[in-house]
Amino acid sequence: MKTSLLFLFLLTLIFFGINPKNINALTFSYDYYNVDINISNDSTFTVKEDMSLSFDGLTHGVRADILTNNSNCSFTTDKTCGGFDRLELLGVYNEEGTKLNSAQYTTSTYQDDQTGNQYYRIERLLYPDGKMFYGESIKWSIEYRVYVGIKW
């Protein structure tokens, strides 16, 4: 009797499409993440972030968010605190280090409704329909200059 009920239950799950194979939760981790920062005499600095992300699940591409305004900052207004409101994107690079043209990535700004923090976002859409990853990695780099990022 228990075997028949179990079989009926499994058959019902399959019939209604509730199949564990249909679950596509995405997880990722950084294989490596390296940041080089070069500070200029005029208080600007250039940041280059090289990263490799390992994915498991349905993946469309990669993104990086740069904090531009931290709403929880408690410093006085004459100090830089938790965000860079003046930055210039210098380049987005593929896994070989080749600079991409602006049609190969998008940029936008957004505000996190929960924290009030604002971000500058860089995205590379690599697989518009998605691609299943099983531990494979995507390597890429971004480079940007921050103006008025250091105050004294």
C-alpha atoms as a PDB file:
ATOM      1  CA  MET A   1       0.000   0.000   0.000  1.00  0.00           C
ATOM      2  CA  LYS A   2       2.812   2.429   0.932  1.00  0.00           C
ATOM      3  CA  THR A   3       4.640   1.589  -2.276  1.00  0.00           C
ATOM      4  CA  SER A   4       1.519   2.312  -4.337  1.00  0.00           C
ATOM      5  CA  LEU A   5       0.978   5.673  -2.596  1.00  0.00           C
ATOM      6  CA  LEU A   6       4.620   6.626  -3.087  1.00  0.00           C
ATOM      7  CA  PHE A   7       4.414   5.691  -6.781  1.00  0.00           C
ATOM      8  CA  LEU A   8       1.192   7.711  -7.176  1.00  0.00           C
ATOM      9  CA  PHE A   9       2.787  10.691  -5.419  1.00  0.00           C
ATOM     10  CA  LEU A  10       5.883  10.598  -7.675  1.00  0.00           C
ATOM     11  CA  LEU A  11       3.725  10.188 -10.765  1.00  0.00           C
ATOM     12  CA  THR A  12       1.677  13.229  -9.708  1.00  0.00           C
ATOM     13  CA  LEU A  13       4.855  15.298  -9.256  1.00  0.00           C
ATOM     14  CA  ILE A  14       6.074  14.339 -12.705  1.00  0.00           C
ATOM     15  CA  PHE A  15       2.672  14.957 -14.269  1.00  0.00           C
ATOM     16  CA  PHE A  16       2.419  18.485 -12.856  1.00  0.00           C
ATOM     17  CA  GLY A  17       5.990  19.359 -13.771  1.00  0.00           C
ATOM     18  CA  ILE A  18       7.274  19.621 -10.229  1.00  0.00           C
ATOM     19  CA  ASN A  19      10.500  17.924 -11.034  1.00  0.00           C
ATOM     20  CA  PRO A  20      13.800  18.735  -9.295  1.00  0.00           C
ATOM     21  CA  LYS A  21      15.434  18.974 -12.736  1.00  0.00           C
ATOM     22  CA  ASN A  22      13.318  22.089 -13.408  1.00  0.00           C
ATOM     23  CA  ILE A  23      14.806  24.009 -10.491  1.00  0.00           C
ATOM     24  CA  ASN A  24      17.550  26.351 -11.701  1.00  0.00           C
ATOM     25  CA  ALA A  25      18.956  28.154  -8.683  1.00  0.00           C
ATOM     26  CA  LEU A  26      22.075  30.120  -9.531  1.00  0.00           C
ATOM     27  CA  THR A  27      25.053  30.121  -7.198  1.00  0.00           C
ATOM     28  CA  PHE A  28      28.440  31.667  -7.780  1.00  0.00           C
ATOM     29  CA  SER A  29      31.749  32.206  -6.064  1.00  0.00           C
ATOM     30  CA  TYR A  30      34.888  34.156  -6.852  1.00  0.00           C
ATOM     31  CA  ASP A  31      37.798  32.029  -8.060  1.00  0.00           C
ATOM     32  CA  TYR A  32      39.883  35.157  -7.688  1.00  0.00           C
ATOM     33  CA  TYR A  33      39.346  38.868  -7.244  1.00  0.00           C
ATOM     34  CA  ASN A  34      42.264  41.272  -7.610  1.00  0.00           C
ATOM     35  CA  VAL A  35      42.109  45.054  -7.254  1.00  0.00           C
ATOM     36  CA  ASP A  36      44.855  47.476  -8.305  1.00  0.00           C
ATOM     37  CA  ILE A  37      44.512  51.095  -7.190  1.00  0.00           C
ATOM     38  CA  ASN A  38      46.771  53.870  -8.509  1.00  0.00           C
ATOM     39  CA  ILE A  39      46.531  57.213  -6.692  1.00  0.00           C
ATOM     40  CA  SER A  40      47.435  60.402  -8.573  1.00  0.00           C
ATOM     41  CA  ASN A  41      48.802  63.647  -7.125  1.00  0.00           C
ATOM     42  CA  ASP A  42      45.522  65.430  -7.920  1.00  0.00           C
ATOM     43  CA  SER A  43      43.613  63.045  -5.533  1.00  0.00           C
ATOM     44  CA  THR A  44      42.006  61.051  -8.350  1.00  0.00           C
ATOM     45  CA  PHE A  45      42.619  57.346  -8.394  1.00  0.00           C
ATOM     46  CA  THR A  46      42.249  54.598 -10.957  1.00  0.00           C
ATOM     47  CA  VAL A  47      40.843  51.221  -9.972  1.00  0.00           C
ATOM     48  CA  LYS A  48      41.163  48.009 -11.979  1.00  0.00           C
ATOM     49  CA  GLU A  49      39.214  44.983 -10.791  1.00  0.00           C
ATOM     50  CA  ASP A  50      40.150  41.611 -12.298  1.00  0.00           C
ATOM     51  CA  MET A  51      37.795  38.784 -11.409  1.00  0.00           C
ATOM     52  CA  SER A  52      36.908  35.219 -12.202  1.00  0.00           C
ATOM     53  CA  LEU A  53      33.501  33.952 -11.133  1.00  0.00           C
ATOM     54  CA  SER A  54      32.555  30.284 -10.988  1.00  0.00           C
ATOM     55  CA  PHE A  55      28.865  29.544 -11.641  1.00  0.00           C
ATOM     56  CA  ASP A  56      26.467  26.690 -11.002  1.00  0.00           C
ATOM     57  CA  GLY A  57      23.054  27.124 -12.580  1.00  0.00           C
ATOM     58  CA  LEU A  58      21.440  29.147 -15.343  1.00  0.00           C
ATOM     59  CA  THR A  59      23.691  32.112 -16.148  1.00  0.00           C
ATOM     60  CA  HIS A  60      23.105  35.096 -18.429  1.00  0.00           C
ATOM     61  CA  GLY A  61      26.259  37.098 -17.785  1.00  0.00           C
ATOM     62  CA  VAL A  62      28.159  39.056 -15.159  1.00  0.00           C
ATOM     63  CA  ARG A  63      27.747  42.362 -13.365  1.00  0.00           C
ATOM     64  CA  ALA A  64      29.641  44.655 -11.035  1.00  0.00           C
ATOM     65  CA  ASP A  65      28.154  47.296  -8.767  1.00  0.00           C
ATOM     66  CA  ILE A  66      30.159  50.272  -7.508  1.00  0.00           C
ATOM     67  CA  LEU A  67      28.770  52.084  -4.478  1.00  0.00           C
ATOM     68  CA  THR A  68      28.286  55.753  -5.341  1.00  0.00           C
ATOM     69  CA  ASN A  69      26.325  56.954  -2.312  1.00  0.00           C
ATOM     70  CA  ASN A  70      26.083  55.309   1.088  1.00  0.00           C
ATOM     71  CA  SER A  71      22.929  56.548   2.815  1.00  0.00           C
ATOM     72  CA  ASN A  72      24.182  55.263   6.189  1.00  0.00           C
ATOM     73  CA  CYS A  73      27.312  57.410   6.130  1.00  0.00           C
ATOM     74  CA  SER A  74      27.792  59.399   9.325  1.00  0.00           C
ATOM     75  CA  PHE A  75      30.856  61.481   8.388  1.00  0.00           C
ATOM     76  CA  THR A  76      30.614  65.221   7.920  1.00  0.00           C
ATOM     77  CA  THR A  77      29.991  66.503   4.400  1.00  0.00           C
ATOM     78  CA  ASP A  78      33.616  67.536   3.835  1.00  0.00           C
ATOM     79  CA  LYS A  79      34.783  63.899   3.912  1.00  0.00           C
ATOM     80  CA  THR A  80      34.273  61.091   1.411  1.00  0.00           C
ATOM     81  CA  CYS A  81      32.216  58.393   3.016  1.00  0.00           C
ATOM     82  CA  GLY A  82      31.309  55.037   1.549  1.00  0.00           C
ATOM     83  CA  GLY A  83      30.730  55.951  -2.047  1.00  0.00           C
ATOM     84  CA  PHE A  84      32.105  57.704  -5.075  1.00  0.00           C
ATOM     85  CA  ASP A  85      29.712  60.072  -6.786  1.00  0.00           C
ATOM     86  CA  ARG A  86      32.171  61.113  -9.500  1.00  0.00           C
ATOM     87  CA  LEU A  87      33.575  58.241 -11.471  1.00  0.00           C
ATOM     88  CA  GLU A  88      34.440  57.579 -15.076  1.00  0.00           C
ATOM     89  CA  LEU A  89      34.389  54.127 -16.620  1.00  0.00           C
ATOM     90  CA  LEU A  90      37.674  53.632 -18.474  1.00  0.00           C
ATOM     91  CA  GLY A  91      37.152  50.127 -19.763  1.00  0.00           C
ATOM     92  CA  VAL A  92      35.529  46.722 -19.585  1.00  0.00           C
ATOM     93  CA  TYR A  93      37.750  43.805 -20.597  1.00  0.00           C
ATOM     94  CA  ASN A  94      37.139  40.187 -21.608  1.00  0.00           C
ATOM     95  CA  GLU A  95      38.995  37.150 -20.300  1.00  0.00           C
ATOM     96  CA  GLU A  96      41.987  37.812 -22.587  1.00  0.00           C
ATOM     97  CA  GLY A  97      42.291  41.417 -21.403  1.00  0.00           C
ATOM     98  CA  THR A  98      40.940  42.883 -24.642  1.00  0.00           C
ATOM     99  CA  LYS A  99      39.005  46.102 -24.138  1.00  0.00           C
ATOM    100  CA  LEU A 100      35.360  45.733 -25.153  1.00  0.00           C
ATOM    101  CA  ASN A 101      33.455  48.340 -27.115  1.00  0.00           C
ATOM    102  CA  SER A 102      30.475  49.974 -25.410  1.00  0.00           C
ATOM    103  CA  ALA A 103      27.996  47.833 -27.385  1.00  0.00           C
ATOM    104  CA  GLN A 104      29.287  44.752 -25.539  1.00  0.00           C
ATOM    105  CA  TYR A 105      28.168  45.876 -22.064  1.00  0.00           C
ATOM    106  CA  THR A 106      25.666  48.189 -20.418  1.00  0.00           C
ATOM    107  CA  THR A 107      25.891  50.703 -17.603  1.00  0.00           C
ATOM    108  CA  SER A 108      23.171  52.055 -15.375  1.00  0.00           C
ATOM    109  CA  THR A 109      22.557  53.507 -11.949  1.00  0.00           C
ATOM    110  CA  TYR A 110      20.141  52.230  -9.370  1.00  0.00           C
ATOM    111  CA  GLN A 111      19.100  52.723  -5.782  1.00  0.00           C
ATOM    112  CA  ASP A 112      18.606  49.877  -3.318  1.00  0.00           C
ATOM    113  CA  ASP A 113      15.122  50.437  -1.902  1.00  0.00           C
ATOM    114  CA  GLN A 114      15.960  48.735   1.397  1.00  0.00           C
ATOM    115  CA  THR A 115      19.181  50.599   2.211  1.00  0.00           C
ATOM    116  CA  GLY A 116      18.842  53.764   0.144  1.00  0.00           C
ATOM    117  CA  ASN A 117      22.367  53.193  -1.215  1.00  0.00           C
ATOM    118  CA  GLN A 118      23.048  54.175  -4.817  1.00  0.00           C
ATOM    119  CA  TYR A 119      25.181  52.184  -7.255  1.00  0.00           C
ATOM    120  CA  TYR A 120      26.762  52.406 -10.682  1.00  0.00           C
ATOM    121  CA  ARG A 121      26.222  49.043 -12.430  1.00  0.00           C
ATOM    122  CA  ILE A 122      28.227  47.458 -15.258  1.00  0.00           C
ATOM    123  CA  GLU A 123      26.734  44.364 -16.933  1.00  0.00           C
ATOM    124  CA  ARG A 124      27.899  41.977 -19.645  1.00  0.00           C
ATOM    125  CA  LEU A 125      25.094  39.947 -21.168  1.00  0.00           C
ATOM    126  CA  LEU A 126      26.854  36.885 -22.535  1.00  0.00           C
ATOM    127  CA  TYR A 127      23.981  34.413 -22.947  1.00  0.00           C
ATOM    128  CA  PRO A 128      20.638  36.143 -23.691  1.00  0.00           C
ATOM    129  CA  ASP A 129      18.719  32.869 -23.385  1.00  0.00           C
ATOM    130  CA  GLY A 130      20.846  31.680 -20.479  1.00  0.00           C
ATOM    131  CA  LYS A 131      23.364  28.878 -20.303  1.00  0.00           C
ATOM    132  CA  MET A 132      23.632  26.144 -17.704  1.00  0.00           C
ATOM    133  CA  PHE A 133      26.951  26.270 -15.902  1.00  0.00           C
ATOM    134  CA  TYR A 134      28.363  23.425 -13.851  1.00  0.00           C
ATOM    135  CA  GLY A 135      31.374  24.949 -12.138  1.00  0.00           C
ATOM    136  CA  GLU A 136      32.611  26.837 -15.224  1.00  0.00           C
ATOM    137  CA  SER A 137      34.116  30.288 -14.811  1.00  0.00           C
ATOM    138  CA  ILE A 138      33.767  33.661 -16.484  1.00  0.00           C
ATOM    139  CA  LYS A 139      36.737  36.028 -16.316  1.00  0.00           C
ATOM    140  CA  TRP A 140      36.487  39.761 -16.873  1.00  0.00           C
ATOM    141  CA  SER A 141      37.846  43.109 -15.687  1.00  0.00           C
ATOM    142  CA  ILE A 142      36.598  46.631 -15.175  1.00  0.00           C
ATOM    143  CA  GLU A 143      38.612  49.833 -14.869  1.00  0.00           C
ATOM    144  CA  TYR A 144      37.423  53.208 -13.668  1.00  0.00           C
ATOM    145  CA  ARG A 145      38.713  56.552 -12.389  1.00  0.00           C
ATOM    146  CA  VAL A 146      37.347  58.185  -9.243  1.00  0.00           C
ATOM    147  CA  TYR A 147      37.395  61.982  -8.965  1.00  0.00           C
ATOM    148  CA  VAL A 148      37.384  63.748  -5.596  1.00  0.00           C
ATOM    149  CA  GLY A 149      37.593  60.354  -3.935  1.00  0.00           C
ATOM    150  CA  ILE A 150      40.228  61.403  -1.433  1.00  0.00           C
ATOM    151  CA  LYS A 151      39.728  64.518   0.672  1.00  0.00           C
ATOM    152  CA  TRP A 152      41.757  65.914   3.526  1.00  0.00           C
END
